[in-house]
Protein backbone atom coordinates (compact mmCIF):
# COMPACT_ATOMS: atom_id res chain seq x y z
CA MET A 1 244.70 132.88 -35.06
CA VAL A 2 242.45 129.95 -35.13
CA VAL A 3 245.16 127.66 -36.33
CA ARG A 4 247.37 128.92 -33.58
CA GLY A 5 244.82 128.36 -30.91
CA ASP A 6 244.12 124.90 -32.11
CA SER A 7 247.74 123.99 -32.02
CA ALA A 8 248.07 125.30 -28.49
CA VAL A 9 245.26 123.09 -27.33
CA GLY A 10 246.67 120.22 -29.17
CA GLU A 11 250.01 120.76 -27.60
CA GLN A 12 248.55 120.85 -24.07
CA GLY A 13 246.62 117.66 -24.64
CA SER A 14 249.66 116.09 -26.07
CA ASP A 15 251.69 116.96 -23.01
CA ALA A 16 249.06 115.49 -20.65
CA ALA A 17 248.80 112.39 -22.73
CA SER A 18 252.48 112.07 -22.85
CA GLY A 19 252.49 111.98 -18.98
CA GLY A 20 254.38 115.17 -18.17
CA PRO A 21 254.37 115.33 -14.35
CA GLU A 22 253.77 119.04 -13.92
CA LYS A 23 251.08 119.25 -16.52
CA THR A 24 249.39 116.14 -15.14
CA ALA A 25 249.26 117.57 -11.57
CA LYS A 26 247.75 120.79 -12.85
CA ALA A 27 245.06 118.86 -14.66
CA VAL A 28 244.16 116.86 -11.53
CA LYS A 29 243.94 120.05 -9.50
CA ALA A 30 241.64 121.62 -12.04
CA VAL A 31 239.34 118.62 -11.93
CA LYS A 32 239.25 118.64 -8.13
CA LYS A 33 238.57 122.39 -8.11
CA ALA A 34 235.66 121.93 -10.47
CA ALA A 35 234.26 119.16 -8.29
CA VAL A 36 234.50 121.33 -5.19
CA LYS A 37 232.71 124.18 -6.97
CA LYS A 38 229.99 121.80 -8.10
CA THR A 39 229.53 120.46 -4.53
CA ALA A 40 229.42 124.01 -3.15
CA ALA A 41 226.78 124.92 -5.68
CA LYS A 42 224.68 121.94 -4.66
CA LYS A 43 225.00 122.89 -0.96
CA ALA A 44 224.01 126.48 -1.71
CA THR A 45 220.92 125.27 -3.54
CA ALA A 46 220.01 122.96 -0.67
CA THR A 47 220.49 125.79 1.83
CA LYS A 48 218.21 128.09 -0.16
CA GLN A 49 215.52 125.41 -0.29
CA ALA A 50 215.84 124.79 3.47
CA THR A 51 215.56 128.53 4.10
CA LYS A 52 212.39 128.71 2.06
CA ALA A 53 210.94 125.72 3.94
CA THR A 54 211.79 127.36 7.27
CA LYS A 55 210.04 130.58 6.26
CA THR A 56 206.90 128.72 5.26
CA ALA A 57 206.97 126.43 8.34
CA PRO A 58 205.47 128.91 10.88
CA ALA A 59 202.43 129.37 8.67
CA ALA A 60 201.94 125.61 8.65
CA LYS A 61 202.37 125.39 12.42
CA ALA A 62 200.02 128.33 13.02
CA VAL A 63 196.97 126.11 12.72
CA PRO A 64 197.90 123.74 15.59
CA ALA A 65 198.91 126.75 17.69
CA ALA A 66 195.55 128.38 17.09
CA LYS A 67 193.87 125.16 18.09
CA ALA A 68 195.98 124.86 21.22
CA ALA A 69 194.77 128.19 22.65
CA PRO A 70 191.06 127.19 22.80
CA ALA A 71 192.11 123.84 24.21
CA LYS A 72 193.89 125.56 27.09
CA THR A 73 190.87 127.85 27.65
CA ALA A 74 188.54 124.86 27.66
CA ALA A 75 190.78 123.12 30.17
CA LYS A 76 190.68 126.14 32.45
CA ARG A 77 186.90 126.34 32.18
CA ALA A 78 186.60 122.64 32.95
CA ALA A 79 188.81 123.07 36.00
CA SER A 80 186.75 126.05 37.20
CA LYS A 81 183.52 124.12 36.68
CA LYS A 82 184.93 121.15 38.58
CA ALA A 83 185.93 123.43 41.45
CA ALA A 84 182.46 125.00 41.53
CA VAL A 85 180.79 121.59 41.56
CA GLY A 86 183.11 120.49 44.33
CA LYS A 87 182.22 123.54 46.39
CA ALA A 88 178.50 122.96 45.89
CA ALA A 89 178.90 119.30 46.78
CA ALA A 90 180.69 120.28 49.96
CA GLU A 91 177.60 122.23 51.03
CA LYS A 92 175.28 119.30 50.37
CA PRO A 93 175.07 115.97 52.17
CA GLN A 94 176.99 113.08 50.73
CA PRO A 95 175.05 110.77 48.37
CA ALA A 96 173.55 107.55 49.60
CA GLY A 97 176.53 105.55 48.35
CA LYS A 98 178.91 107.41 50.65
CA PRO A 99 177.82 107.06 54.27
CA GLU A 100 177.83 110.28 56.28
CA SER A 101 179.88 110.29 59.44
CA GLN A 102 178.06 110.66 62.74
CA THR A 103 179.80 113.97 63.41
CA SER A 104 178.78 115.35 60.02
CA LEU A 105 175.21 114.12 60.52
CA VAL A 106 174.92 115.81 63.91
CA ARG A 107 176.21 119.10 62.51
CA ARG A 108 173.86 119.01 59.53
CA ALA A 109 170.84 118.05 61.63
CA ARG A 110 171.45 120.85 64.11
CA ARG A 111 171.98 123.35 61.32
CA ILE A 112 168.63 122.34 59.79
CA ASN A 113 166.94 122.91 63.13
CA ARG A 114 168.55 126.36 63.45
CA GLU A 115 167.43 127.30 59.95
CA LEU A 116 163.86 126.18 60.65
CA ALA A 117 163.84 128.12 63.93
CA GLU A 118 164.45 131.28 61.90
CA VAL A 119 161.67 130.43 59.46
CA TYR A 120 159.17 129.47 62.20
CA PRO A 121 160.14 131.53 65.28
CA TYR A 122 156.51 131.39 66.42
CA ALA A 123 156.15 127.59 66.10
CA HIS A 124 153.80 126.19 68.75
CA PRO A 125 151.45 123.24 69.31
CA GLU A 126 148.63 123.67 66.81
CA LEU A 127 145.94 122.33 69.10
CA ASP A 128 143.85 124.78 71.09
CA PHE A 129 143.99 124.10 74.86
CA GLU A 130 143.79 125.93 78.15
CA ASN A 131 145.02 123.20 80.51
CA PRO A 132 146.72 119.77 80.46
CA PHE A 133 143.39 117.92 80.36
CA GLN A 134 142.22 119.74 77.24
CA LEU A 135 145.56 119.17 75.54
CA LEU A 136 145.49 115.47 76.39
CA VAL A 137 141.99 114.99 74.96
CA ALA A 138 142.68 117.12 71.88
CA THR A 139 145.86 115.16 71.12
CA VAL A 140 144.01 111.84 71.29
CA LEU A 141 141.35 113.24 68.96
CA SER A 142 143.95 114.45 66.45
CA ALA A 143 144.77 110.91 65.30
CA GLN A 144 143.84 110.39 61.62
CA THR A 145 142.58 113.95 61.21
CA THR A 146 143.85 117.52 61.15
CA ASP A 147 144.47 119.75 64.13
CA LEU A 148 142.19 122.26 62.46
CA ARG A 149 139.26 119.85 62.54
CA VAL A 150 139.96 119.02 66.19
CA ASN A 151 140.13 122.71 67.10
CA GLN A 152 136.79 123.27 65.41
CA THR A 153 135.25 120.40 67.40
CA THR A 154 136.65 120.68 70.92
CA PRO A 155 134.99 124.00 71.88
CA THR A 156 131.62 122.25 71.97
CA LEU A 157 133.07 119.22 73.76
CA PHE A 158 134.81 121.20 76.51
CA ALA A 159 131.87 123.54 76.95
CA LYS A 160 129.71 120.55 77.84
CA TYR A 161 132.36 118.44 79.62
CA PRO A 162 134.98 120.81 81.11
CA THR A 163 136.58 118.35 83.58
CA PRO A 164 137.70 114.70 83.60
CA GLU A 165 134.87 113.95 86.02
CA ASP A 166 132.30 115.39 83.60
CA LEU A 167 133.62 113.47 80.59
CA ALA A 168 134.00 110.23 82.57
CA ALA A 169 130.29 110.34 83.38
CA ALA A 170 129.15 111.40 79.89
CA ASN A 171 126.67 109.56 77.70
CA PRO A 172 128.76 107.92 74.93
CA GLU A 173 126.14 108.58 72.27
CA GLU A 174 126.14 112.29 73.01
CA VAL A 175 129.92 112.42 72.89
CA GLU A 176 129.92 110.49 69.61
CA GLU A 177 127.64 113.06 68.03
CA ILE A 178 129.97 115.90 69.06
CA LEU A 179 133.07 114.06 67.81
CA ARG A 180 131.58 112.91 64.51
CA PRO A 181 133.43 115.59 62.45
CA CYS A 182 136.79 114.22 63.69
CA GLY A 183 136.33 110.81 62.08
CA PHE A 184 136.59 107.44 63.85
CA PHE A 185 134.25 109.06 66.36
CA ARG A 186 133.18 105.84 68.08
CA ALA A 187 136.73 104.70 68.85
CA LYS A 188 137.72 108.22 69.89
CA THR A 189 134.69 108.52 72.15
CA LYS A 190 135.71 105.31 73.89
CA SER A 191 139.27 106.60 74.33
CA VAL A 192 138.45 110.03 75.76
CA ILE A 193 135.83 108.67 78.15
CA GLY A 194 138.22 105.87 79.16
CA LEU A 195 141.18 108.18 79.82
CA SER A 196 138.90 110.51 81.79
CA LYS A 197 137.87 107.63 84.00
CA GLY A 198 141.53 106.66 84.39
CA LEU A 199 142.40 110.20 85.49
CA VAL A 200 139.60 110.22 88.04
CA GLU A 201 140.30 106.74 89.41
CA GLU A 202 144.11 106.67 89.31
CA PHE A 203 145.22 110.29 89.58
CA GLY A 204 142.49 112.15 91.39
CA GLY A 205 141.22 113.88 88.27
CA GLU A 206 144.65 115.40 87.52
CA VAL A 207 146.80 114.79 84.44
CA PRO A 208 150.07 113.20 85.60
CA GLY A 209 153.36 114.78 84.56
CA ARG A 210 155.32 111.57 84.04
CA LEU A 211 155.66 109.52 80.87
CA GLU A 212 155.21 106.18 82.59
CA ASP A 213 151.90 107.34 84.10
CA LEU A 214 150.49 108.91 80.96
CA VAL A 215 151.01 105.86 78.76
CA LYS A 216 148.87 103.80 81.15
CA LEU A 217 145.78 105.78 80.14
CA PRO A 218 143.50 104.39 77.37
CA GLY A 219 144.41 105.75 73.92
CA VAL A 220 147.60 107.42 75.14
CA GLY A 221 150.91 106.41 73.55
CA ARG A 222 154.38 107.91 73.68
CA LYS A 223 153.62 110.48 70.98
CA THR A 224 150.58 111.82 72.84
CA ALA A 225 152.43 111.71 76.15
CA PHE A 226 155.35 113.77 74.78
CA VAL A 227 152.98 116.37 73.34
CA VAL A 228 151.43 116.81 76.79
CA LEU A 229 154.73 116.71 78.69
CA GLY A 230 156.47 119.15 76.39
CA ASN A 231 153.67 121.69 75.96
CA ALA A 232 151.71 121.48 79.20
CA PHE A 233 154.51 120.69 81.65
CA GLY A 234 157.60 122.03 79.91
CA ARG A 235 159.34 118.66 79.94
CA PRO A 236 161.32 117.89 76.75
CA GLY A 237 159.97 115.27 74.40
CA ILE A 238 160.03 114.34 70.70
CA THR A 239 156.69 114.05 68.95
CA VAL A 240 156.96 111.46 66.18
CA ASP A 241 153.88 112.05 64.06
CA THR A 242 153.50 111.31 60.33
CA HIS A 243 155.13 114.62 59.31
CA PHE A 244 158.08 114.06 61.62
CA GLN A 245 158.61 110.52 60.35
CA ARG A 246 158.52 111.62 56.71
CA LEU A 247 160.94 114.52 57.06
CA VAL A 248 163.62 112.88 59.19
CA ARG A 249 163.84 110.05 56.68
CA ARG A 250 164.04 112.50 53.78
CA TRP A 251 166.85 114.29 55.58
CA ARG A 252 168.52 110.93 56.29
CA TRP A 253 168.65 111.53 60.01
CA THR A 254 167.57 107.92 60.34
CA ALA A 255 166.35 105.04 58.19
CA GLU A 256 164.14 103.64 60.97
CA THR A 257 160.39 103.30 60.42
CA ASP A 258 159.28 102.37 63.94
CA PRO A 259 158.24 105.55 65.86
CA ASP A 260 160.05 104.52 69.04
CA LYS A 261 163.28 103.82 67.15
CA ILE A 262 162.95 107.12 65.24
CA GLU A 263 162.52 108.92 68.55
CA ALA A 264 165.69 107.33 69.92
CA ALA A 265 167.76 107.95 66.77
CA VAL A 266 166.78 111.60 66.40
CA GLY A 267 167.02 112.26 70.12
CA ALA A 268 170.67 111.21 69.98
CA LEU A 269 171.42 114.03 67.51
CA PHE A 270 170.20 116.87 69.71
CA PRO A 271 170.47 118.10 73.28
CA ARG A 272 167.46 117.06 75.32
CA SER A 273 166.51 120.71 75.86
CA ASP A 274 165.91 121.09 72.08
CA TRP A 275 163.49 118.19 71.68
CA THR A 276 160.15 119.97 72.09
CA ASP A 277 160.96 122.94 69.85
CA LEU A 278 162.61 120.61 67.34
CA SER A 279 159.33 118.70 67.08
CA HIS A 280 157.43 121.92 66.37
CA HIS A 281 159.92 123.06 63.73
CA VAL A 282 159.88 119.76 61.85
CA ILE A 283 156.11 119.32 62.01
CA TRP A 284 155.44 122.89 60.93
CA HIS A 285 157.79 122.51 57.97
CA GLY A 286 156.11 119.26 56.98
CA ARG A 287 152.68 120.86 57.00
CA ARG A 288 153.66 124.03 55.17
CA MET A 289 156.40 123.15 52.67
CA CYS A 290 157.74 119.60 52.74
CA HIS A 291 154.48 117.86 51.82
CA ALA A 292 154.14 114.13 51.30
CA ARG A 293 153.32 114.25 47.58
CA LYS A 294 154.54 117.62 46.31
CA PRO A 295 157.26 119.20 48.42
CA ALA A 296 157.87 122.88 47.63
CA CYS A 297 161.60 122.37 47.01
CA GLY A 298 161.95 125.59 45.04
CA VAL A 299 161.26 127.80 48.06
CA CYS A 300 162.61 125.55 50.81
CA PRO A 301 165.04 127.38 53.13
CA ILE A 302 167.04 124.23 53.84
CA ALA A 303 167.37 122.99 50.24
CA PRO A 304 171.22 123.06 50.33
CA LEU A 305 171.12 120.72 53.34
CA CYS A 306 168.49 118.32 52.04
CA PRO A 307 169.52 115.02 50.35
CA ALA A 308 166.01 114.72 48.91
CA TYR A 309 166.05 118.08 47.12
CA GLY A 310 164.41 117.70 43.71
CA GLU A 311 161.72 115.21 44.76
CA GLY A 312 159.25 118.08 44.61
CA GLU A 313 158.71 121.21 42.52
CA THR A 314 162.00 123.10 42.09
CA ASP A 315 160.70 126.08 40.12
CA PRO A 316 160.33 128.92 42.70
CA GLU A 317 157.16 130.38 41.19
CA LYS A 318 155.42 127.02 40.95
CA ALA A 319 156.66 126.00 44.41
CA LYS A 320 155.13 129.12 45.98
CA LYS A 321 151.71 127.91 44.94
CA LEU A 322 152.20 124.74 47.02
CA LEU A 323 152.69 126.58 50.33
CA LYS A 324 150.03 126.10 52.97
CA TYR A 325 148.69 127.99 55.96
CA GLU A 326 150.31 131.33 56.74
CA LYS A 327 153.16 130.69 54.25
CA GLY A 328 150.57 130.53 51.50
CA GLY A 329 148.55 133.43 52.89
CA PHE A 330 145.89 131.21 54.49
CA PRO A 331 144.62 130.89 58.07
CA GLY A 332 146.44 128.63 60.49
CA GLN A 333 144.97 125.67 62.35
CA ARG A 334 144.16 127.24 65.70
CA LEU A 335 141.07 129.24 66.48
CA ASN A 336 142.94 130.87 69.36
CA PRO A 337 146.65 130.95 68.41
CA PRO A 338 149.37 132.55 70.55
CA GLN A 339 149.89 136.28 70.21
CA ALA A 340 153.38 135.77 68.76
CA TYR A 341 151.85 133.94 65.83
CA LEU A 342 149.36 136.74 65.21
CA ASP A 343 152.12 139.35 65.50
CA ALA A 344 154.06 137.49 62.81
CA GLY A 345 151.15 137.80 60.39
CA GLY A 346 149.37 134.52 61.09
CA ARG A 347 145.58 134.35 60.95
CA PRO A 348 143.35 132.29 63.22
CA ALA A 349 141.27 129.47 61.77
CA PRO A 350 137.50 129.88 61.46
CA PRO A 351 135.08 127.95 63.72
CA LEU A 352 133.38 124.75 62.58
CA GLY A 353 131.24 125.43 59.52
CA GLY A 354 133.32 128.45 58.47
CA VAL A 355 135.50 128.72 55.38
CA SER A 356 139.08 127.76 56.22
CA GLY A 357 140.76 128.96 53.03
CA THR A 358 143.10 125.95 53.07
């Protein structure tokens, strides 16, 4: 059998070598078929490897996908934060680098005044007086001192010199002794005696109700005149004292420093009928919360409208301790305040020599 098989193979090889056409074609086909099978096998192997790589690919891509989710969440949070900041910024005045339009300034200024009117509905002149003459003298005496000190001093002065005629004829040394607690008593004595003489000589002992007449009197400027006109005669006026100057600049209502220019700039933001009450609201806020050195920012009712928020104490509990007068639980500045103030919980100040609590 083996010999037979060997001869068969030998015969086939002999035929191919001899160049038989049929046998040669069959041999070529067999070679080609083997090559095709080999190529198919290679492709199958490559396909299997690709399939394995595809199955493992999602696991490799899972890490970037997991990282992408927090990135999207962070982006959303950033967008929400940006929107919140934008909303807060819209409620606050524009920074110094971006000038505020006149229309926006007017609206903000009037809103501040409305807010303060709700906080101080009982705001009034904090000098005790019963008539225009007493208010005029008390206002002149209030320069470089507190209204409280003036109110503690004037009862003795008016008891002894109740009319312009009486004060015009007074002994300067006696007046000086009464006014000593007010400070600058010599200069103030000269002013009140001088204005009393002016009232007697020029106006028949009556306080005039016109600005141009009042400013002619010794020691009487526009600020004093507007206090008298607004509170004794009901004629609108803006009182530009130190508190008023400080606050309107903090609120960026004006950058002016001259009192007359401040008066003009602020007056342009409000109707004339609001001027007197506006003065009370601003001055009261300056005395009680928006102090020169330590503003009580943390309890300020107009903080969202104030460009200077943060200059003072922002912690609410610490800011409460900075409040003065009735807001801090202490007596006010008048010995005889209006009933509305007392009804709102205010307390009258003690007489000279008493304990003020402030």
